[in-house]
């Protein structure tokens, strides 16, 4: 582990995905010195477009203020790749988002939509159109790596209910159990260490549910 207690090498992940997962978890930890160091280290391993996509999707989980600050650090390092994209119509984003969300959530998709819709119908539309149809469907970072980074981020931020869903989601899009466990460890190391037992118990429950 490095001086901040974050694993330095993850054998079951590609080096780029491991570096991105460390950035993802560090952003959720709220410690700017940690995520700045992780961001600078990631530039030695991951492609610029992968780093940018990781930051863009982090808006969904840690918010715009953190991501804006991270992009400032990235630009100070003169890293730039994306030129922006033309936004698709709401209808197109809903179609793409529904397909992608169903792929990630699998059998839990219908109950997810019902639960979110019961909170507020606009939330349901935003989750599908903006979260999945606009953000997580973007090129530049594989869906599997996106889900693995989300697992690390949610574990570090201690959003257990959403973490459980994305543990299933990572497996549903092809991540190996070893890779999921590795990014979960990254998230645990970046978050509150006394919660390690609870998070590993959650992962054990997911494995049992899918027959691992």
N, C-alpha and C. Protein backbone atom coordinates (compact mmCIF):
# COMPACT_ATOMS: atom_id res chain seq x y z
N UNK A 1 0.84 -1.20 0.00
CA UNK A 1 0.00 0.00 0.00
C UNK A 1 0.87 1.25 0.00
N UNK A 2 0.30 2.38 -0.50
CA UNK A 2 1.06 3.62 -0.47
C UNK A 2 0.88 4.30 0.89
N UNK A 3 1.43 5.52 1.03
CA UNK A 3 1.40 6.20 2.32
C UNK A 3 0.00 6.52 2.80
N UNK A 4 -0.98 6.54 1.90
CA UNK A 4 -2.36 6.84 2.28
C UNK A 4 -3.17 5.57 2.52
N UNK A 5 -2.50 4.41 2.44
CA UNK A 5 -3.19 3.16 2.68
C UNK A 5 -3.97 2.64 1.50
N UNK A 6 -3.71 3.17 0.30
CA UNK A 6 -4.42 2.73 -0.90
C UNK A 6 -3.55 1.73 -1.64
N UNK A 7 -4.10 0.57 -2.05
CA UNK A 7 -3.29 -0.44 -2.73
C UNK A 7 -2.57 0.14 -3.94
N UNK A 8 -1.29 -0.18 -4.06
CA UNK A 8 -0.49 0.37 -5.16
C UNK A 8 -0.59 -0.47 -6.42
N UNK A 9 -0.91 -1.73 -6.30
CA UNK A 9 -1.00 -2.59 -7.48
C UNK A 9 -2.15 -3.58 -7.30
N UNK A 10 -2.92 -3.76 -8.32
CA UNK A 10 -4.08 -4.66 -8.27
C UNK A 10 -3.92 -5.67 -9.40
N UNK A 11 -3.56 -6.89 -9.05
CA UNK A 11 -3.21 -7.88 -10.05
C UNK A 11 -4.39 -8.29 -10.93
N UNK A 12 -5.62 -8.25 -10.41
CA UNK A 12 -6.76 -8.74 -11.18
C UNK A 12 -7.36 -7.67 -12.08
N UNK A 13 -6.80 -6.46 -12.08
CA UNK A 13 -7.29 -5.38 -12.93
C UNK A 13 -6.21 -4.98 -13.91
N UNK A 14 -6.62 -4.37 -15.01
CA UNK A 14 -5.63 -3.75 -15.88
C UNK A 14 -5.01 -2.58 -15.12
N UNK A 15 -3.75 -2.24 -15.40
CA UNK A 15 -3.14 -1.10 -14.70
C UNK A 15 -3.95 0.18 -14.84
N UNK A 16 -4.51 0.42 -16.04
CA UNK A 16 -5.28 1.64 -16.26
C UNK A 16 -6.54 1.65 -15.40
N UNK A 17 -7.25 0.52 -15.34
CA UNK A 17 -8.48 0.47 -14.55
C UNK A 17 -8.17 0.63 -13.07
N UNK A 18 -7.08 0.04 -12.60
CA UNK A 18 -6.70 0.18 -11.19
C UNK A 18 -6.42 1.64 -10.87
N UNK A 19 -5.70 2.33 -11.78
CA UNK A 19 -5.39 3.74 -11.55
C UNK A 19 -6.65 4.59 -11.55
N UNK A 20 -7.56 4.31 -12.46
CA UNK A 20 -8.81 5.05 -12.53
C UNK A 20 -9.67 4.79 -11.30
N UNK A 21 -9.68 3.55 -10.82
CA UNK A 21 -10.45 3.22 -9.62
C UNK A 21 -9.92 3.96 -8.41
N UNK A 22 -8.59 4.13 -8.33
CA UNK A 22 -8.02 4.88 -7.22
C UNK A 22 -8.45 6.35 -7.27
N UNK A 23 -8.48 6.92 -8.48
CA UNK A 23 -8.97 8.30 -8.62
C UNK A 23 -10.44 8.38 -8.20
N UNK A 24 -11.22 7.43 -8.68
CA UNK A 24 -12.65 7.40 -8.40
C UNK A 24 -12.92 7.35 -6.90
N UNK A 25 -12.24 6.44 -6.22
CA UNK A 25 -12.43 6.32 -4.77
C UNK A 25 -11.92 7.55 -4.04
N UNK A 26 -10.79 8.07 -4.49
CA UNK A 26 -10.22 9.25 -3.81
C UNK A 26 -11.13 10.46 -3.92
N UNK A 27 -11.80 10.62 -5.05
CA UNK A 27 -12.74 11.72 -5.21
C UNK A 27 -13.86 11.64 -4.18
N UNK A 28 -14.31 10.43 -3.91
CA UNK A 28 -15.40 10.24 -2.95
C UNK A 28 -14.93 10.42 -1.51
N UNK A 29 -13.64 10.27 -1.28
CA UNK A 29 -13.14 10.39 0.09
C UNK A 29 -13.18 11.83 0.58
N UNK A 30 -13.17 12.80 -0.36
CA UNK A 30 -13.21 14.20 0.02
C UNK A 30 -11.88 14.80 0.40
N UNK A 31 -10.81 14.01 0.31
CA UNK A 31 -9.48 14.51 0.67
C UNK A 31 -8.77 14.97 -0.59
N UNK A 32 -8.68 16.27 -0.79
CA UNK A 32 -8.16 16.80 -2.04
C UNK A 32 -6.71 16.40 -2.29
N UNK A 33 -5.91 16.31 -1.25
CA UNK A 33 -4.51 15.93 -1.44
C UNK A 33 -4.40 14.51 -1.99
N UNK A 34 -5.34 13.65 -1.58
CA UNK A 34 -5.32 12.26 -2.04
C UNK A 34 -5.77 12.15 -3.48
N UNK A 35 -6.90 12.83 -3.82
CA UNK A 35 -7.36 12.67 -5.20
C UNK A 35 -6.46 13.41 -6.18
N UNK A 36 -5.82 14.48 -5.76
CA UNK A 36 -4.87 15.16 -6.65
C UNK A 36 -3.69 14.25 -6.96
N UNK A 37 -3.17 13.57 -5.94
CA UNK A 37 -2.04 12.66 -6.15
C UNK A 37 -2.46 11.48 -7.04
N UNK A 38 -3.66 10.94 -6.78
CA UNK A 38 -4.14 9.83 -7.59
C UNK A 38 -4.36 10.25 -9.03
N UNK A 39 -4.84 11.45 -9.23
CA UNK A 39 -5.09 11.97 -10.58
C UNK A 39 -3.78 12.14 -11.34
N UNK A 40 -2.79 12.67 -10.68
CA UNK A 40 -1.48 12.85 -11.33
C UNK A 40 -0.85 11.49 -11.65
N UNK A 41 -0.97 10.53 -10.73
CA UNK A 41 -0.43 9.19 -10.98
C UNK A 41 -1.14 8.51 -12.14
N UNK A 42 -2.45 8.71 -12.25
CA UNK A 42 -3.22 8.06 -13.31
C UNK A 42 -2.77 8.51 -14.70
N UNK A 43 -2.28 9.73 -14.79
CA UNK A 43 -1.84 10.25 -16.09
C UNK A 43 -0.64 9.48 -16.64
N UNK A 44 0.08 8.77 -15.77
CA UNK A 44 1.23 7.98 -16.21
C UNK A 44 0.80 6.65 -16.80
N UNK A 45 -0.45 6.26 -16.56
CA UNK A 45 -0.90 4.91 -16.93
C UNK A 45 -2.09 4.92 -17.87
N UNK A 46 -3.12 5.69 -17.53
CA UNK A 46 -4.37 5.68 -18.31
C UNK A 46 -4.32 6.71 -19.42
N UNK A 47 -5.09 6.46 -20.46
CA UNK A 47 -5.19 7.40 -21.58
C UNK A 47 -5.96 8.64 -21.13
N UNK A 48 -5.63 9.81 -21.71
CA UNK A 48 -6.34 11.04 -21.33
C UNK A 48 -7.85 10.91 -21.44
N UNK A 49 -8.34 10.27 -22.50
CA UNK A 49 -9.79 10.15 -22.67
C UNK A 49 -10.40 9.31 -21.56
N UNK A 50 -9.69 8.30 -21.08
CA UNK A 50 -10.20 7.48 -19.98
C UNK A 50 -10.31 8.30 -18.69
N UNK A 51 -9.32 9.11 -18.43
CA UNK A 51 -9.34 9.95 -17.23
C UNK A 51 -10.49 10.95 -17.31
N UNK A 52 -10.65 11.58 -18.47
CA UNK A 52 -11.73 12.55 -18.63
C UNK A 52 -13.09 11.89 -18.45
N UNK A 53 -13.27 10.71 -19.02
CA UNK A 53 -14.56 10.03 -18.89
C UNK A 53 -14.83 9.63 -17.44
N UNK A 54 -13.78 9.22 -16.73
CA UNK A 54 -13.94 8.89 -15.32
C UNK A 54 -14.41 10.11 -14.53
N UNK A 55 -13.82 11.26 -14.81
CA UNK A 55 -14.22 12.48 -14.11
C UNK A 55 -15.65 12.88 -14.47
N UNK A 56 -15.99 12.78 -15.74
CA UNK A 56 -17.34 13.16 -16.16
C UNK A 56 -18.39 12.29 -15.49
N UNK A 57 -18.17 10.99 -15.44
CA UNK A 57 -19.18 10.13 -14.82
C UNK A 57 -19.23 10.34 -13.30
N UNK A 58 -18.15 10.84 -12.73
CA UNK A 58 -18.14 11.07 -11.28
C UNK A 58 -19.10 12.18 -10.87
N UNK A 59 -19.52 13.01 -11.83
CA UNK A 59 -20.56 14.01 -11.52
C UNK A 59 -21.80 13.35 -10.94
N UNK A 60 -22.08 12.13 -11.39
CA UNK A 60 -23.29 11.43 -10.95
C UNK A 60 -23.20 10.99 -9.50
N UNK A 61 -21.98 10.85 -8.97
CA UNK A 61 -21.80 10.23 -7.66
C UNK A 61 -21.16 11.14 -6.62
N UNK A 62 -20.35 12.10 -7.04
CA UNK A 62 -19.73 13.01 -6.07
C UNK A 62 -20.09 14.47 -6.31
N UNK A 63 -20.76 14.77 -7.43
CA UNK A 63 -21.25 16.11 -7.68
C UNK A 63 -20.32 16.98 -8.51
N UNK A 64 -20.88 18.06 -9.04
CA UNK A 64 -20.14 18.96 -9.90
C UNK A 64 -18.98 19.68 -9.20
N UNK A 65 -19.12 20.16 -7.96
CA UNK A 65 -18.01 20.91 -7.36
C UNK A 65 -16.70 20.12 -7.32
N UNK A 66 -16.77 18.87 -6.90
CA UNK A 66 -15.56 18.04 -6.83
C UNK A 66 -14.98 17.82 -8.22
N UNK A 67 -15.85 17.53 -9.19
CA UNK A 67 -15.38 17.24 -10.55
C UNK A 67 -14.80 18.49 -11.21
N UNK A 68 -15.39 19.63 -11.00
CA UNK A 68 -14.84 20.87 -11.54
C UNK A 68 -13.43 21.11 -11.00
N UNK A 69 -13.24 20.88 -9.71
CA UNK A 69 -11.91 21.05 -9.12
C UNK A 69 -10.92 20.05 -9.71
N UNK A 70 -11.38 18.82 -9.93
CA UNK A 70 -10.49 17.80 -10.50
C UNK A 70 -10.09 18.15 -11.92
N UNK A 71 -11.02 18.68 -12.70
CA UNK A 71 -10.68 19.08 -14.07
C UNK A 71 -9.68 20.23 -14.08
N UNK A 72 -9.76 21.12 -13.08
CA UNK A 72 -8.79 22.21 -13.00
C UNK A 72 -7.38 21.65 -12.80
N UNK A 73 -7.26 20.64 -11.95
CA UNK A 73 -5.96 20.01 -11.75
C UNK A 73 -5.48 19.33 -13.02
N UNK A 74 -6.41 18.66 -13.70
CA UNK A 74 -6.06 17.97 -14.95
C UNK A 74 -5.58 18.96 -16.01
N UNK A 75 -6.27 20.07 -16.15
CA UNK A 75 -5.89 21.07 -17.14
C UNK A 75 -4.57 21.74 -16.78
N UNK A 76 -4.30 21.88 -15.49
CA UNK A 76 -3.02 22.46 -15.06
C UNK A 76 -1.86 21.58 -15.49
N UNK A 77 -2.13 20.27 -15.66
CA UNK A 77 -1.13 19.34 -16.15
C UNK A 77 -1.11 19.28 -17.68
N UNK A 78 -1.90 20.15 -18.29
CA UNK A 78 -2.00 20.24 -19.76
C UNK A 78 -2.48 18.94 -20.40
N UNK A 79 -3.36 18.25 -19.66
CA UNK A 79 -4.00 17.05 -20.20
C UNK A 79 -5.35 17.45 -20.77
N UNK A 80 -5.53 17.19 -22.04
CA UNK A 80 -6.79 17.54 -22.69
C UNK A 80 -7.04 16.57 -23.83
N UNK A 81 -8.24 16.06 -23.90
CA UNK A 81 -8.57 15.13 -24.97
C UNK A 81 -9.93 15.46 -25.59
N UNK A 82 -10.98 15.43 -24.77
CA UNK A 82 -12.33 15.62 -25.27
C UNK A 82 -12.59 17.02 -25.78
N UNK A 83 -13.39 17.10 -26.83
CA UNK A 83 -13.78 18.38 -27.40
C UNK A 83 -15.27 18.66 -27.20
N UNK A 84 -15.89 17.83 -26.39
CA UNK A 84 -17.33 18.00 -26.18
C UNK A 84 -18.11 17.23 -27.22
N UNK A 85 -19.37 17.06 -26.98
CA UNK A 85 -20.22 16.32 -27.90
C UNK A 85 -21.55 17.02 -28.05
N UNK A 86 -22.22 16.76 -29.16
CA UNK A 86 -23.54 17.32 -29.40
C UNK A 86 -24.57 16.49 -28.66
N UNK A 87 -25.35 17.16 -27.85
CA UNK A 87 -26.33 16.44 -27.04
C UNK A 87 -27.42 15.86 -27.92
N UNK A 88 -27.78 14.62 -27.64
CA UNK A 88 -28.86 13.97 -28.38
C UNK A 88 -30.20 14.40 -27.80
N UNK A 89 -31.25 14.04 -28.46
CA UNK A 89 -32.58 14.41 -27.99
C UNK A 89 -32.94 13.61 -26.74
N UNK A 90 -33.92 14.11 -25.99
CA UNK A 90 -34.35 13.42 -24.80
C UNK A 90 -34.84 12.02 -25.14
N UNK A 91 -35.58 11.90 -26.23
CA UNK A 91 -36.10 10.59 -26.63
C UNK A 91 -34.97 9.61 -26.89
N UNK A 92 -33.94 10.06 -27.60
CA UNK A 92 -32.80 9.18 -27.88
C UNK A 92 -32.08 8.78 -26.60
N UNK A 93 -31.91 9.73 -25.70
CA UNK A 93 -31.22 9.42 -24.45
C UNK A 93 -32.03 8.45 -23.59
N UNK A 94 -33.34 8.58 -23.62
CA UNK A 94 -34.19 7.66 -22.86
C UNK A 94 -34.08 6.23 -23.42
N UNK A 95 -34.06 6.11 -24.73
CA UNK A 95 -33.96 4.78 -25.35
C UNK A 95 -32.63 4.13 -25.01
N UNK A 96 -31.55 4.88 -25.21
CA UNK A 96 -30.22 4.36 -24.90
C UNK A 96 -30.09 4.06 -23.42
N UNK A 97 -30.60 4.98 -22.59
CA UNK A 97 -30.50 4.82 -21.15
C UNK A 97 -31.25 3.62 -20.63
N UNK A 98 -32.44 3.38 -21.17
CA UNK A 98 -33.23 2.23 -20.73
C UNK A 98 -32.52 0.93 -21.07
N UNK A 99 -31.94 0.85 -22.26
CA UNK A 99 -31.23 -0.36 -22.68
C UNK A 99 -30.01 -0.61 -21.80
N UNK A 100 -29.26 0.46 -21.54
CA UNK A 100 -28.04 0.31 -20.75
C UNK A 100 -28.36 0.00 -19.29
N UNK A 101 -29.32 0.69 -18.74
CA UNK A 101 -29.70 0.45 -17.35
C UNK A 101 -30.20 -0.98 -17.15
N UNK A 102 -30.99 -1.47 -18.10
CA UNK A 102 -31.49 -2.84 -18.02
C UNK A 102 -30.34 -3.85 -18.09
N UNK A 103 -29.34 -3.53 -18.88
CA UNK A 103 -28.18 -4.42 -18.99
C UNK A 103 -27.41 -4.48 -17.68
N UNK A 104 -27.26 -3.35 -17.04
CA UNK A 104 -26.50 -3.29 -15.79
C UNK A 104 -27.28 -3.90 -14.63
N UNK A 105 -28.56 -3.59 -14.53
CA UNK A 105 -29.35 -4.03 -13.38
C UNK A 105 -29.95 -5.41 -13.54
N UNK A 106 -30.06 -5.88 -14.77
CA UNK A 106 -30.58 -7.23 -14.97
C UNK A 106 -31.97 -7.41 -14.41
N UNK A 107 -32.14 -8.45 -13.60
CA UNK A 107 -33.46 -8.77 -13.05
C UNK A 107 -33.99 -7.68 -12.13
N UNK A 108 -33.13 -6.85 -11.62
CA UNK A 108 -33.57 -5.80 -10.68
C UNK A 108 -34.01 -4.53 -11.38
N UNK A 109 -33.96 -4.53 -12.72
CA UNK A 109 -34.25 -3.30 -13.47
C UNK A 109 -35.66 -2.76 -13.22
N UNK A 110 -36.65 -3.61 -13.32
CA UNK A 110 -38.03 -3.14 -13.16
C UNK A 110 -38.29 -2.57 -11.77
N UNK A 111 -37.75 -3.24 -10.75
CA UNK A 111 -37.96 -2.75 -9.38
C UNK A 111 -37.21 -1.44 -9.16
N UNK A 112 -36.04 -1.30 -9.79
CA UNK A 112 -35.31 -0.03 -9.70
C UNK A 112 -36.15 1.11 -10.24
N UNK A 113 -36.68 0.92 -11.45
CA UNK A 113 -37.47 1.97 -12.07
C UNK A 113 -38.69 2.32 -11.23
N UNK A 114 -39.32 1.31 -10.69
CA UNK A 114 -40.51 1.54 -9.86
C UNK A 114 -40.15 2.31 -8.60
N UNK A 115 -39.04 1.93 -7.97
CA UNK A 115 -38.63 2.59 -6.73
C UNK A 115 -38.28 4.06 -6.96
N UNK A 116 -37.50 4.32 -8.00
CA UNK A 116 -37.10 5.70 -8.28
C UNK A 116 -38.31 6.53 -8.69
N UNK A 117 -39.18 5.95 -9.50
CA UNK A 117 -40.37 6.66 -9.94
C UNK A 117 -41.27 7.01 -8.76
N UNK A 118 -41.29 6.15 -7.74
CA UNK A 118 -42.11 6.43 -6.56
C UNK A 118 -41.56 7.60 -5.75
N UNK A 119 -40.26 7.84 -5.86
CA UNK A 119 -39.66 8.99 -5.18
C UNK A 119 -40.04 10.28 -5.88
N UNK A 120 -39.89 10.29 -7.20
CA UNK A 120 -40.32 11.43 -8.02
C UNK A 120 -40.16 11.03 -9.49
N UNK A 121 -41.18 11.23 -10.31
CA UNK A 121 -41.10 10.82 -11.72
C UNK A 121 -39.97 11.51 -12.48
N UNK A 122 -39.65 12.75 -12.12
CA UNK A 122 -38.55 13.42 -12.82
C UNK A 122 -37.21 12.79 -12.47
N UNK A 123 -37.06 12.31 -11.23
CA UNK A 123 -35.83 11.61 -10.87
C UNK A 123 -35.63 10.39 -11.75
N UNK A 124 -36.71 9.66 -11.98
CA UNK A 124 -36.63 8.47 -12.83
C UNK A 124 -36.14 8.86 -14.22
N UNK A 125 -36.68 9.92 -14.78
CA UNK A 125 -36.27 10.36 -16.11
C UNK A 125 -34.82 10.82 -16.12
N UNK A 126 -34.42 11.54 -15.10
CA UNK A 126 -33.03 12.03 -15.04
C UNK A 126 -32.04 10.88 -14.91
N UNK A 127 -32.38 9.90 -14.07
CA UNK A 127 -31.49 8.74 -13.90
C UNK A 127 -31.29 8.03 -15.24
N UNK A 128 -32.39 7.81 -15.96
CA UNK A 128 -32.30 7.07 -17.22
C UNK A 128 -31.69 7.92 -18.33
N UNK A 129 -32.23 9.11 -18.53
CA UNK A 129 -31.79 9.93 -19.67
C UNK A 129 -30.40 10.52 -19.46
N UNK A 130 -30.16 11.09 -18.28
CA UNK A 130 -28.88 11.75 -18.03
C UNK A 130 -27.82 10.80 -17.49
N UNK A 131 -28.21 9.97 -16.51
CA UNK A 131 -27.24 9.06 -15.91
C UNK A 131 -26.77 7.99 -16.87
N UNK A 132 -27.73 7.30 -17.47
CA UNK A 132 -27.37 6.17 -18.33
C UNK A 132 -27.33 6.53 -19.82
N UNK A 133 -28.32 7.27 -20.29
CA UNK A 133 -28.37 7.58 -21.71
C UNK A 133 -27.38 8.62 -22.16
N UNK A 134 -26.99 9.53 -21.27
CA UNK A 134 -26.09 10.63 -21.63
C UNK A 134 -24.68 10.43 -21.13
N UNK A 135 -24.53 9.86 -19.93
CA UNK A 135 -23.22 9.82 -19.29
C UNK A 135 -22.54 8.46 -19.38
N UNK A 136 -23.16 7.44 -18.84
CA UNK A 136 -22.50 6.14 -18.78
C UNK A 136 -22.44 5.43 -20.12
N UNK A 137 -23.16 5.92 -21.11
CA UNK A 137 -23.15 5.31 -22.44
C UNK A 137 -22.09 5.92 -23.35
N UNK A 138 -21.36 6.91 -22.85
CA UNK A 138 -20.36 7.59 -23.67
C UNK A 138 -19.22 6.66 -24.06
N UNK A 139 -18.61 6.89 -25.24
CA UNK A 139 -17.41 6.14 -25.60
C UNK A 139 -16.20 6.66 -24.82
N UNK A 140 -15.09 6.00 -24.95
CA UNK A 140 -13.87 6.47 -24.31
C UNK A 140 -13.45 5.67 -23.09
N UNK A 141 -14.40 4.99 -22.46
CA UNK A 141 -14.13 4.14 -21.31
C UNK A 141 -15.10 2.97 -21.38
N UNK A 142 -14.59 1.76 -21.26
CA UNK A 142 -15.45 0.59 -21.40
C UNK A 142 -16.50 0.55 -20.29
N UNK A 143 -17.62 -0.07 -20.57
CA UNK A 143 -18.69 -0.17 -19.58
C UNK A 143 -18.23 -0.94 -18.36
N UNK A 144 -17.44 -1.98 -18.58
CA UNK A 144 -16.94 -2.77 -17.45
C UNK A 144 -16.06 -1.91 -16.55
N UNK A 145 -15.15 -1.15 -17.13
CA UNK A 145 -14.29 -0.28 -16.33
C UNK A 145 -15.10 0.81 -15.64
N UNK A 146 -16.14 1.31 -16.31
CA UNK A 146 -17.00 2.31 -15.68
C UNK A 146 -17.63 1.74 -14.41
N UNK A 147 -18.18 0.55 -14.52
CA UNK A 147 -18.84 -0.05 -13.36
C UNK A 147 -17.85 -0.35 -12.23
N UNK A 148 -16.66 -0.80 -12.58
CA UNK A 148 -15.66 -1.07 -11.55
C UNK A 148 -15.27 0.21 -10.82
N UNK A 149 -15.14 1.30 -11.55
CA UNK A 149 -14.81 2.59 -10.93
C UNK A 149 -15.96 3.09 -10.06
N UNK A 150 -17.19 2.83 -10.49
CA UNK A 150 -18.35 3.21 -9.69
C UNK A 150 -18.36 2.44 -8.38
N UNK A 151 -18.04 1.15 -8.43
CA UNK A 151 -17.97 0.35 -7.20
C UNK A 151 -16.98 0.97 -6.23
N UNK A 152 -15.79 1.32 -6.72
CA UNK A 152 -14.78 1.93 -5.84
C UNK A 152 -15.29 3.23 -5.25
N UNK A 153 -15.96 4.03 -6.06
CA UNK A 153 -16.44 5.34 -5.61
C UNK A 153 -17.55 5.22 -4.58
N UNK A 154 -18.48 4.32 -4.82
CA UNK A 154 -19.59 4.15 -3.89
C UNK A 154 -19.13 3.52 -2.58
N UNK A 155 -18.14 2.64 -2.65
CA UNK A 155 -17.61 2.04 -1.43
C UNK A 155 -16.91 3.10 -0.59
N UNK A 156 -16.14 3.96 -1.23
CA UNK A 156 -15.44 5.02 -0.50
C UNK A 156 -16.41 6.01 0.09
N UNK A 157 -17.51 6.28 -0.62
CA UNK A 157 -18.50 7.24 -0.14
C UNK A 157 -19.52 6.66 0.79
N UNK A 158 -19.47 5.32 0.98
CA UNK A 158 -20.40 4.61 1.85
C UNK A 158 -21.86 4.80 1.47
N UNK A 159 -22.12 4.62 0.19
CA UNK A 159 -23.50 4.59 -0.30
C UNK A 159 -23.86 3.12 -0.53
N UNK A 160 -24.19 2.44 0.57
CA UNK A 160 -24.26 0.99 0.55
C UNK A 160 -25.35 0.44 -0.37
N UNK A 161 -26.50 1.10 -0.39
CA UNK A 161 -27.60 0.58 -1.20
C UNK A 161 -27.25 0.65 -2.68
N UNK A 162 -26.69 1.78 -3.12
CA UNK A 162 -26.29 1.91 -4.51
C UNK A 162 -25.08 1.03 -4.81
N UNK A 163 -24.19 0.88 -3.83
CA UNK A 163 -23.03 0.01 -4.00
C UNK A 163 -23.46 -1.42 -4.30
N UNK A 164 -24.42 -1.90 -3.54
CA UNK A 164 -24.90 -3.26 -3.75
C UNK A 164 -25.41 -3.45 -5.17
N UNK A 165 -26.16 -2.48 -5.67
CA UNK A 165 -26.69 -2.57 -7.03
C UNK A 165 -25.56 -2.60 -8.05
N UNK A 166 -24.52 -1.80 -7.84
CA UNK A 166 -23.45 -1.75 -8.82
C UNK A 166 -22.45 -2.89 -8.66
N UNK A 167 -22.43 -3.55 -7.52
CA UNK A 167 -21.67 -4.80 -7.41
C UNK A 167 -22.28 -5.84 -8.35
N UNK A 168 -23.62 -5.95 -8.30
CA UNK A 168 -24.31 -6.80 -9.27
C UNK A 168 -24.05 -6.31 -10.69
N UNK A 169 -24.12 -4.97 -10.88
CA UNK A 169 -23.96 -4.40 -12.20
C UNK A 169 -22.62 -4.70 -12.82
N UNK A 170 -21.55 -4.61 -12.03
CA UNK A 170 -20.22 -4.90 -12.55
C UNK A 170 -20.14 -6.34 -13.03
N UNK A 171 -20.69 -7.26 -12.26
CA UNK A 171 -20.71 -8.66 -12.67
C UNK A 171 -21.56 -8.85 -13.93
N UNK A 172 -22.68 -8.13 -14.00
CA UNK A 172 -23.58 -8.26 -15.14
C UNK A 172 -22.95 -7.83 -16.46
N UNK A 173 -21.99 -6.91 -16.40
CA UNK A 173 -21.38 -6.42 -17.65
C UNK A 173 -20.01 -7.06 -17.90
N UNK A 174 -19.70 -8.13 -17.16
CA UNK A 174 -18.52 -8.91 -17.50
C UNK A 174 -17.31 -8.80 -16.60
N UNK A 175 -17.40 -8.04 -15.51
CA UNK A 175 -16.25 -7.96 -14.61
C UNK A 175 -16.09 -9.28 -13.86
N UNK A 176 -14.86 -9.68 -13.65
CA UNK A 176 -14.60 -10.89 -12.87
C UNK A 176 -14.81 -10.60 -11.39
N UNK A 177 -15.17 -11.63 -10.62
CA UNK A 177 -15.30 -11.43 -9.17
C UNK A 177 -14.01 -10.88 -8.55
N UNK A 178 -12.87 -11.32 -9.07
CA UNK A 178 -11.58 -10.85 -8.55
C UNK A 178 -11.41 -9.35 -8.79
N UNK A 179 -11.81 -8.89 -9.98
CA UNK A 179 -11.71 -7.47 -10.29
C UNK A 179 -12.64 -6.65 -9.40
N UNK A 180 -13.85 -7.14 -9.20
CA UNK A 180 -14.80 -6.43 -8.34
C UNK A 180 -14.26 -6.33 -6.92
N UNK A 181 -13.73 -7.43 -6.43
CA UNK A 181 -13.20 -7.42 -5.07
C UNK A 181 -12.01 -6.47 -4.95
N UNK A 182 -11.21 -6.38 -6.01
CA UNK A 182 -10.05 -5.48 -5.98
C UNK A 182 -10.47 -4.02 -5.89
N UNK A 183 -11.45 -3.61 -6.71
CA UNK A 183 -11.87 -2.20 -6.64
C UNK A 183 -12.64 -1.92 -5.36
N UNK A 184 -13.32 -2.93 -4.84
CA UNK A 184 -13.98 -2.76 -3.55
C UNK A 184 -12.95 -2.48 -2.46
N UNK A 185 -11.82 -3.17 -2.51
CA UNK A 185 -10.74 -2.93 -1.55
C UNK A 185 -10.18 -1.52 -1.71
N UNK A 186 -10.08 -1.04 -2.94
CA UNK A 186 -9.61 0.33 -3.17
C UNK A 186 -10.57 1.32 -2.51
N UNK A 187 -11.87 1.08 -2.70
CA UNK A 187 -12.86 1.96 -2.09
C UNK A 187 -12.83 1.92 -0.58
N UNK A 188 -12.66 0.73 -0.03
CA UNK A 188 -12.59 0.59 1.42
C UNK A 188 -11.39 1.35 1.97
N UNK A 189 -10.25 1.21 1.29
CA UNK A 189 -9.03 1.88 1.75
C UNK A 189 -9.14 3.39 1.69
N UNK A 190 -9.94 3.89 0.74
CA UNK A 190 -10.10 5.33 0.59
C UNK A 190 -11.16 5.91 1.52
N UNK A 191 -12.01 5.05 2.03
CA UNK A 191 -13.10 5.52 2.88
C UNK A 191 -12.80 5.34 4.35
N UNK A 192 -13.82 4.96 5.11
CA UNK A 192 -13.69 4.77 6.54
C UNK A 192 -13.36 3.31 6.82
N UNK A 193 -12.18 3.06 7.34
CA UNK A 193 -11.70 1.69 7.46
C UNK A 193 -12.52 0.84 8.41
N UNK A 194 -13.16 1.44 9.41
CA UNK A 194 -13.93 0.63 10.35
C UNK A 194 -15.16 0.01 9.70
N UNK A 195 -15.49 0.46 8.49
CA UNK A 195 -16.65 -0.10 7.80
C UNK A 195 -16.27 -1.26 6.88
N UNK A 196 -15.04 -1.69 6.94
CA UNK A 196 -14.56 -2.75 6.06
C UNK A 196 -15.40 -4.03 6.21
N UNK A 197 -15.69 -4.42 7.45
CA UNK A 197 -16.44 -5.66 7.68
C UNK A 197 -17.81 -5.59 7.04
N UNK A 198 -18.49 -4.45 7.18
CA UNK A 198 -19.83 -4.31 6.61
C UNK A 198 -19.81 -4.38 5.08
N UNK A 199 -18.82 -3.75 4.48
CA UNK A 199 -18.76 -3.75 3.01
C UNK A 199 -18.40 -5.12 2.47
N UNK A 200 -17.50 -5.81 3.13
CA UNK A 200 -17.15 -7.16 2.67
C UNK A 200 -18.32 -8.12 2.89
N UNK A 201 -19.10 -7.87 3.94
CA UNK A 201 -20.30 -8.68 4.15
C UNK A 201 -21.31 -8.45 3.03
N UNK A 202 -21.42 -7.21 2.60
CA UNK A 202 -22.31 -6.88 1.49
C UNK A 202 -21.86 -7.60 0.22
N UNK A 203 -20.57 -7.61 -0.03
CA UNK A 203 -20.02 -8.30 -1.19
C UNK A 203 -20.28 -9.82 -1.09
N UNK A 204 -20.15 -10.37 0.10
CA UNK A 204 -20.43 -11.80 0.30
C UNK A 204 -21.88 -12.12 -0.02
N UNK A 205 -22.77 -11.21 0.34
CA UNK A 205 -24.20 -11.40 0.04
C UNK A 205 -24.43 -11.40 -1.46
N UNK A 206 -23.78 -10.48 -2.16
CA UNK A 206 -23.92 -10.43 -3.62
C UNK A 206 -23.39 -11.71 -4.25
N UNK A 207 -22.22 -12.16 -3.82
CA UNK A 207 -21.66 -13.39 -4.37
C UNK A 207 -22.58 -14.57 -4.14
N UNK A 208 -23.15 -14.63 -2.96
CA UNK A 208 -24.08 -15.75 -2.65
C UNK A 208 -25.30 -15.69 -3.57
N UNK A 209 -25.80 -14.49 -3.80
CA UNK A 209 -26.99 -14.33 -4.65
C UNK A 209 -26.75 -14.78 -6.09
N UNK A 210 -25.53 -14.60 -6.58
CA UNK A 210 -25.24 -14.99 -7.97
C UNK A 210 -24.57 -16.35 -8.07
N UNK A 211 -24.41 -17.02 -6.93
CA UNK A 211 -23.87 -18.38 -6.93
C UNK A 211 -22.36 -18.46 -7.06
N UNK A 212 -21.64 -17.47 -6.54
CA UNK A 212 -20.17 -17.51 -6.58
C UNK A 212 -19.61 -18.13 -5.31
